[in-house]
């Protein structure tokens, strides 16, 4: 996949549920250099990480930046499902269609396929660190670490709350997407 925003991309249609790997490898902290690929990770891949993927696809595409962007969950219970309808609604309000996306579970190959893997909260970052394979090449970090003043903070998890929480989540991931694009332009 590339950052040229294409909601009809067939890359996500090729996603399939994947197993989680177990093992320990070297964990490098993410830096905002110019990665060729970024994976966003949350728990189920139906709320926060697809919104982060969508926000970066839109921001990078609008800036003419080509980058492989994807999202996954640490859990597999939503594998194959579209994003939460509330996530779809907030993305649509911001001009982005995410109905084509399908949830998938993180795979050990993701640690080699992506330059950066950005977790949306500390629990998912810890889960990534616990399963990183020995031959991993990706750097790991928190998404909001790239937003000045938000370092170390989690992206709001709207799943169990009111619909308005999805707007807060969009604001979090859109701010991060804008910073990633800004770093690319620097």
Protein backbone atom coordinates (compact mmCIF):
# COMPACT_ATOMS: atom_id res chain seq x y z
CA UNK A 1 0.00 0.00 0.00
CA UNK A 2 1.13 3.54 -0.50
CA UNK A 3 0.18 6.88 0.93
CA UNK A 4 -1.59 7.99 -2.19
CA UNK A 5 -5.01 7.83 -0.55
CA UNK A 6 -7.01 5.21 -2.39
CA UNK A 7 -9.97 3.89 -0.43
CA UNK A 8 -10.52 1.27 -3.11
CA UNK A 9 -7.00 -0.15 -2.69
CA UNK A 10 -6.93 -3.91 -2.98
CA UNK A 11 -4.05 -4.19 -0.52
CA UNK A 12 -6.39 -4.34 2.47
CA UNK A 13 -8.63 -6.82 0.70
CA UNK A 14 -5.67 -9.18 0.75
CA UNK A 15 -5.40 -8.96 4.53
CA UNK A 16 -6.04 -12.14 6.39
CA UNK A 17 -6.15 -13.02 10.05
CA UNK A 18 -2.65 -13.72 11.22
CA UNK A 19 -1.18 -15.41 14.23
CA UNK A 20 0.90 -13.58 16.81
CA UNK A 21 4.55 -14.51 17.12
CA UNK A 22 6.23 -15.13 20.43
CA UNK A 23 9.81 -14.27 21.13
CA UNK A 24 12.19 -11.52 22.08
CA UNK A 25 14.22 -9.41 19.74
CA UNK A 26 15.96 -6.10 19.76
CA UNK A 27 13.57 -3.22 20.32
CA UNK A 28 14.62 0.06 18.76
CA UNK A 29 12.65 3.15 19.66
CA UNK A 30 10.88 4.85 16.79
CA UNK A 31 12.19 8.11 15.43
CA UNK A 32 10.51 10.42 13.00
CA UNK A 33 12.95 9.97 10.14
CA UNK A 34 11.56 9.16 6.71
CA UNK A 35 10.15 5.65 7.06
CA UNK A 36 9.00 3.93 3.91
CA UNK A 37 6.33 2.06 5.86
CA UNK A 38 4.34 2.52 9.07
CA UNK A 39 2.04 0.09 10.87
CA UNK A 40 -0.40 1.36 13.50
CA UNK A 41 -1.38 -1.09 16.25
CA UNK A 42 -4.21 -1.07 18.77
CA UNK A 43 -6.09 -3.89 20.48
CA UNK A 44 -8.72 -5.08 17.99
CA UNK A 45 -7.99 -3.06 14.83
CA UNK A 46 -11.52 -1.70 14.54
CA UNK A 47 -11.31 1.78 16.13
CA UNK A 48 -8.05 3.56 16.81
CA UNK A 49 -5.56 1.94 14.45
CA UNK A 50 -7.80 2.08 11.35
CA UNK A 51 -8.48 5.75 12.14
CA UNK A 52 -4.73 6.36 12.43
CA UNK A 53 -4.17 4.57 9.13
CA UNK A 54 -6.91 6.64 7.49
CA UNK A 55 -5.64 9.94 8.89
CA UNK A 56 -2.10 9.30 7.67
CA UNK A 57 -3.28 8.06 4.27
CA UNK A 58 -5.26 11.28 3.84
CA UNK A 59 -2.50 13.58 5.13
CA UNK A 60 0.32 11.89 3.23
CA UNK A 61 -1.74 11.58 0.06
CA UNK A 62 -2.62 15.26 0.25
CA UNK A 63 1.07 16.11 0.61
CA UNK A 64 2.13 13.83 -2.25
CA UNK A 65 4.12 11.55 0.07
CA UNK A 66 4.26 7.88 -0.91
CA UNK A 67 4.50 5.56 2.06
CA UNK A 68 3.17 2.10 2.88
CA UNK A 69 0.56 2.42 5.63
CA UNK A 70 -1.36 -0.32 7.39
CA UNK A 71 -2.94 -1.15 10.74
CA UNK A 72 -3.37 -4.25 12.85
CA UNK A 73 -4.50 -5.39 16.28
CA UNK A 74 -2.71 -7.32 18.95
CA UNK A 75 -5.85 -9.44 19.36
CA UNK A 76 -7.63 -11.53 16.74
CA UNK A 77 -11.28 -11.44 17.85
CA UNK A 78 -12.29 -8.85 15.20
CA UNK A 79 -10.20 -10.30 12.33
CA UNK A 80 -11.96 -9.87 9.01
CA UNK A 81 -14.47 -7.33 10.34
CA UNK A 82 -14.83 -3.77 9.05
CA UNK A 83 -14.05 -0.87 11.39
CA UNK A 84 -16.57 -0.04 14.11
CA UNK A 85 -19.51 1.87 12.57
CA UNK A 86 -18.74 4.84 14.85
CA UNK A 87 -15.15 4.93 13.55
CA UNK A 88 -16.47 4.81 10.00
CA UNK A 89 -18.85 7.68 10.77
CA UNK A 90 -16.16 9.96 12.21
CA UNK A 91 -13.80 9.22 9.33
CA UNK A 92 -16.60 9.97 6.86
CA UNK A 93 -17.24 13.31 8.61
CA UNK A 94 -13.59 14.12 7.88
CA UNK A 95 -13.86 13.11 4.24
CA UNK A 96 -12.28 9.66 4.52
CA UNK A 97 -13.97 6.34 3.71
CA UNK A 98 -12.70 3.42 5.79
CA UNK A 99 -15.54 0.96 5.12
CA UNK A 100 -13.21 -1.06 2.85
CA UNK A 101 -10.74 -1.80 5.66
CA UNK A 102 -10.76 -5.17 7.43
CA UNK A 103 -9.30 -5.92 10.85
CA UNK A 104 -6.33 -8.22 11.08
CA UNK A 105 -4.04 -9.45 13.79
CA UNK A 106 -0.40 -8.44 13.96
CA UNK A 107 1.95 -11.00 12.44
CA UNK A 108 5.63 -11.63 13.17
CA UNK A 109 6.40 -10.70 9.54
CA UNK A 110 5.12 -7.18 10.28
CA UNK A 111 8.23 -6.62 12.41
CA UNK A 112 10.33 -7.01 9.25
CA UNK A 113 7.91 -5.58 6.69
CA UNK A 114 7.46 -2.17 8.34
CA UNK A 115 10.06 0.45 9.22
CA UNK A 116 8.00 1.73 12.13
CA UNK A 117 5.32 0.09 14.25
CA UNK A 118 3.46 2.66 16.31
CA UNK A 119 1.25 1.52 19.17
CA UNK A 120 -1.70 3.62 20.18
CA UNK A 121 -1.24 3.05 23.92
CA UNK A 122 1.22 1.68 26.46
CA UNK A 123 -0.48 -1.72 26.79
CA UNK A 124 -0.21 -2.38 23.07
CA UNK A 125 3.39 -1.15 23.04
CA UNK A 126 4.16 -3.61 25.87
CA UNK A 127 2.42 -6.36 23.89
CA UNK A 128 4.57 -5.54 20.86
CA UNK A 129 7.73 -5.56 22.95
CA UNK A 130 6.78 -8.96 24.39
CA UNK A 131 6.42 -10.61 20.98
CA UNK A 132 9.03 -8.86 18.85
CA UNK A 133 10.97 -11.56 16.98
CA UNK A 134 14.76 -11.72 17.17
CA UNK A 135 15.11 -10.71 13.49
CA UNK A 136 12.85 -7.65 13.74
CA UNK A 137 13.94 -4.58 11.79
CA UNK A 138 11.07 -2.23 12.70
CA UNK A 139 11.37 0.46 15.32
CA UNK A 140 8.64 0.55 17.96
CA UNK A 141 7.05 3.54 19.63
CA UNK A 142 3.89 5.30 20.74
CA UNK A 143 2.02 7.22 18.08
CA UNK A 144 1.62 10.39 20.12
CA UNK A 145 5.37 10.55 20.77
CA UNK A 146 5.60 12.39 17.45
CA UNK A 147 3.25 15.17 18.63
CA UNK A 148 5.03 17.91 20.61
CA UNK A 149 3.59 18.09 24.12
CA UNK A 150 1.85 14.71 23.80
CA UNK A 151 4.91 12.46 24.21
CA UNK A 152 4.19 9.37 26.29
CA UNK A 153 0.42 9.81 26.03
CA UNK A 154 -2.05 7.29 24.67
CA UNK A 155 -4.55 7.81 21.90
CA UNK A 156 -8.01 7.97 23.44
CA UNK A 157 -9.81 4.59 23.22
CA UNK A 158 -13.44 5.33 22.33
CA UNK A 159 -14.76 1.76 22.13
CA UNK A 160 -16.72 1.60 25.39
CA UNK A 161 -17.67 5.26 25.53
CA UNK A 162 -20.10 7.57 23.78
CA UNK A 163 -19.92 8.34 20.07
CA UNK A 164 -18.26 11.68 20.84
CA UNK A 165 -15.13 9.81 21.94
CA UNK A 166 -14.48 8.86 18.33
CA UNK A 167 -14.05 12.53 17.47
CA UNK A 168 -11.41 12.85 20.20
CA UNK A 169 -9.67 9.78 18.78
CA UNK A 170 -9.75 11.30 15.29
CA UNK A 171 -8.24 14.51 16.66
CA UNK A 172 -5.43 12.52 18.30
CA UNK A 173 -4.55 10.50 15.20
CA UNK A 174 -4.96 13.46 12.84
CA UNK A 175 -2.54 15.50 14.95
CA UNK A 176 -0.02 12.64 14.76
CA UNK A 177 -0.54 12.26 11.01
CA UNK A 178 0.10 15.97 10.52
CA UNK A 179 3.35 15.70 12.48
CA UNK A 180 4.51 12.65 10.52
CA UNK A 181 3.89 14.55 7.27
CA UNK A 182 5.66 17.62 8.70
CA UNK A 183 8.73 15.48 9.51
CA UNK A 184 8.69 14.08 5.98
CA UNK A 185 8.72 17.58 4.53
CA UNK A 186 11.57 18.74 6.80
